[in-house]
Amino acid sequence: MSHPLHPALVHFPIACWSLATAGDLASLYWGEPAWRFAGVSMAIGVAAAVAAMAAGLFELLKIENGSPAMRDANRHMLLMMAAWSCYAASLFLRLEGVALTRPDAFGTGLSAGGFVILCIGGWLGGKLVYRHGVGVRRPASR
């Protein structure tokens, strides 16, 4: 494949988790419709992130050891795993069997914390592409 798969896949968990956090915060005002939307969005994001993380691992393996990008890549990976953990834990806390329930303050806090971590990790992902050129094919010299 000439294009890396990871950048194409990350949009799904980022969008779902962002909407889930917005839904959690909106549920403080709008109640059940918002927290149900948040729970479904969170579940889709947690599942989609597994594929994005697997593709990211393949991209990580392409970075040379000792490269300045490796430090940022490891930080990006750890932050995104932490964000996934926050959202997965929040999802787990709002499940009764397979039914969604209203999140408590801790579950909503995990969602908000996951969003902050997601933003920092996403910024590092952008740094990997735009500063270090990870996943960018250089034009052939003439």
Protein backbone atom coordinates (compact mmCIF):
# COMPACT_ATOMS: atom_id res chain seq x y z
CA MET A 1 0.00 0.00 0.00
CA SER A 2 1.48 3.32 -0.98
CA HIS A 3 -0.42 5.32 1.65
CA PRO A 4 -0.18 4.64 5.38
CA LEU A 5 -3.43 3.31 6.81
CA HIS A 6 -3.09 4.82 10.29
CA PRO A 7 -3.91 8.45 9.33
CA ALA A 8 -7.04 7.30 7.51
CA LEU A 9 -8.31 5.29 10.48
CA VAL A 10 -7.69 7.76 13.31
CA HIS A 11 -10.50 10.04 12.20
CA PHE A 12 -13.14 7.57 13.39
CA PRO A 13 -12.13 7.24 17.05
CA ILE A 14 -11.27 10.95 17.26
CA ALA A 15 -14.70 11.94 15.94
CA CYS A 16 -16.57 9.38 18.03
CA TRP A 17 -14.73 10.22 21.25
CA SER A 18 -15.11 13.96 20.71
CA LEU A 19 -18.84 13.49 20.16
CA ALA A 20 -19.03 11.18 23.20
CA THR A 21 -17.44 13.80 25.45
CA ALA A 22 -19.73 16.49 24.03
CA GLY A 23 -22.69 14.16 24.63
CA ASP A 24 -21.60 13.52 28.22
CA LEU A 25 -21.38 17.23 28.90
CA ALA A 26 -24.66 17.89 27.08
CA SER A 27 -26.35 15.20 29.16
CA LEU A 28 -26.02 17.48 32.18
CA TYR A 29 -28.65 19.65 30.47
CA TRP A 30 -30.50 17.37 28.02
CA GLY A 31 -30.42 14.12 29.99
CA GLU A 32 -31.00 10.67 28.57
CA PRO A 33 -30.85 11.32 24.81
CA ALA A 34 -27.43 12.92 25.19
CA TRP A 35 -25.88 10.27 27.47
CA ARG A 36 -27.23 7.47 25.28
CA PHE A 37 -25.69 9.16 22.23
CA ALA A 38 -22.44 9.53 24.19
CA GLY A 39 -22.40 5.86 25.14
CA VAL A 40 -22.97 4.63 21.59
CA SER A 41 -20.37 7.05 20.21
CA MET A 42 -17.91 5.94 22.87
CA ALA A 43 -18.42 2.25 22.05
CA ILE A 44 -17.87 2.85 18.33
CA GLY A 45 -14.77 4.92 19.10
CA VAL A 46 -13.29 2.27 21.41
CA ALA A 47 -13.77 -0.41 18.74
CA ALA A 48 -12.48 1.77 15.88
CA ALA A 49 -9.43 2.77 17.90
CA VAL A 50 -8.26 -0.85 18.04
CA ALA A 51 -7.85 -0.86 14.25
CA ALA A 52 -6.20 2.58 14.30
CA MET A 53 -3.77 1.48 17.02
CA ALA A 54 -2.86 -1.69 15.10
CA ALA A 55 -2.15 0.35 11.98
CA GLY A 56 -0.15 2.82 14.07
CA LEU A 57 1.99 0.01 15.40
CA PHE A 58 2.96 -0.90 11.84
CA GLU A 59 3.90 2.75 11.21
CA LEU A 60 5.94 2.77 14.44
CA LEU A 61 7.95 -0.21 13.22
CA LYS A 62 9.02 1.80 10.15
CA ILE A 63 10.70 4.51 12.26
CA GLU A 64 14.43 3.99 12.68
CA ASN A 65 15.74 3.50 16.20
CA GLY A 66 17.60 6.58 17.33
CA SER A 67 15.53 8.80 15.07
CA PRO A 68 14.32 12.04 16.69
CA ALA A 69 10.81 10.95 15.69
CA MET A 70 10.97 7.83 17.87
CA ARG A 71 10.69 9.79 21.12
CA ASP A 72 7.58 11.63 19.90
CA ALA A 73 6.16 8.40 18.44
CA ASN A 74 6.48 6.63 21.79
CA ARG A 75 4.86 9.54 23.60
CA HIS A 76 2.07 9.65 21.03
CA MET A 77 1.49 5.93 21.42
CA LEU A 78 1.39 6.08 25.23
CA LEU A 79 -0.97 9.05 25.25
CA MET A 80 -3.34 7.45 22.77
CA MET A 81 -3.34 4.22 24.77
CA ALA A 82 -4.16 6.29 27.86
CA ALA A 83 -7.01 8.02 26.02
CA TRP A 84 -8.34 4.63 24.88
CA SER A 85 -8.12 3.39 28.47
CA CYS A 86 -10.08 6.39 29.77
CA TYR A 87 -12.85 5.93 27.21
CA ALA A 88 -12.95 2.14 27.61
CA ALA A 89 -13.19 2.49 31.41
CA SER A 90 -15.90 5.14 31.08
CA LEU A 91 -17.81 2.86 28.72
CA PHE A 92 -17.41 -0.11 31.08
CA LEU A 93 -18.71 1.94 34.02
CA ARG A 94 -21.89 2.90 32.17
CA LEU A 95 -22.81 -0.63 31.10
CA GLU A 96 -25.22 -2.92 32.91
CA GLY A 97 -24.85 -6.08 30.89
CA VAL A 98 -25.25 -4.75 27.36
CA ALA A 99 -27.55 -1.86 28.33
CA LEU A 100 -26.25 1.68 28.67
CA THR A 101 -26.94 3.56 31.88
CA ARG A 102 -26.46 7.18 32.87
CA PRO A 103 -22.77 7.83 33.56
CA ASP A 104 -21.83 8.92 37.05
CA ALA A 105 -19.45 11.80 37.74
CA PHE A 106 -16.42 9.50 37.57
CA GLY A 107 -17.46 8.11 34.17
CA THR A 108 -18.04 11.61 32.85
CA GLY A 109 -14.69 12.68 34.31
CA LEU A 110 -12.94 9.81 32.54
CA SER A 111 -14.55 10.93 29.29
CA ALA A 112 -13.40 14.53 29.80
CA GLY A 113 -9.92 13.42 30.87
CA GLY A 114 -9.70 11.11 27.87
CA PHE A 115 -10.55 14.04 25.62
CA VAL A 116 -7.72 16.16 27.05
CA ILE A 117 -5.28 13.28 26.57
CA LEU A 118 -6.66 12.69 23.08
CA CYS A 119 -5.95 16.31 22.13
CA ILE A 120 -2.36 16.16 23.39
CA GLY A 121 -1.74 12.81 21.71
CA GLY A 122 -3.28 14.05 18.48
CA TRP A 123 -1.04 17.09 18.53
CA LEU A 124 1.96 14.79 18.85
CA GLY A 125 0.64 12.72 15.94
CA GLY A 126 0.53 15.87 13.84
CA LYS A 127 4.07 16.69 14.93
CA LEU A 128 5.18 13.26 13.73
CA VAL A 129 3.81 13.96 10.26
CA TYR A 130 4.52 17.66 9.81
CA ARG A 131 7.82 18.02 11.63
CA HIS A 132 9.37 14.56 11.37
CA GLY A 133 7.77 13.50 8.06
CA VAL A 134 6.62 10.11 9.39
CA GLY A 135 4.39 8.41 6.82
CA VAL A 136 5.19 11.02 4.17
CA ARG A 137 6.72 9.81 0.95
CA ARG A 138 9.46 12.15 -0.22
CA PRO A 139 9.45 13.05 -3.93
CA ALA A 140 12.13 11.26 -5.91
CA SER A 141 15.14 13.45 -6.65
CA ARG A 142 15.79 14.12 -10.29
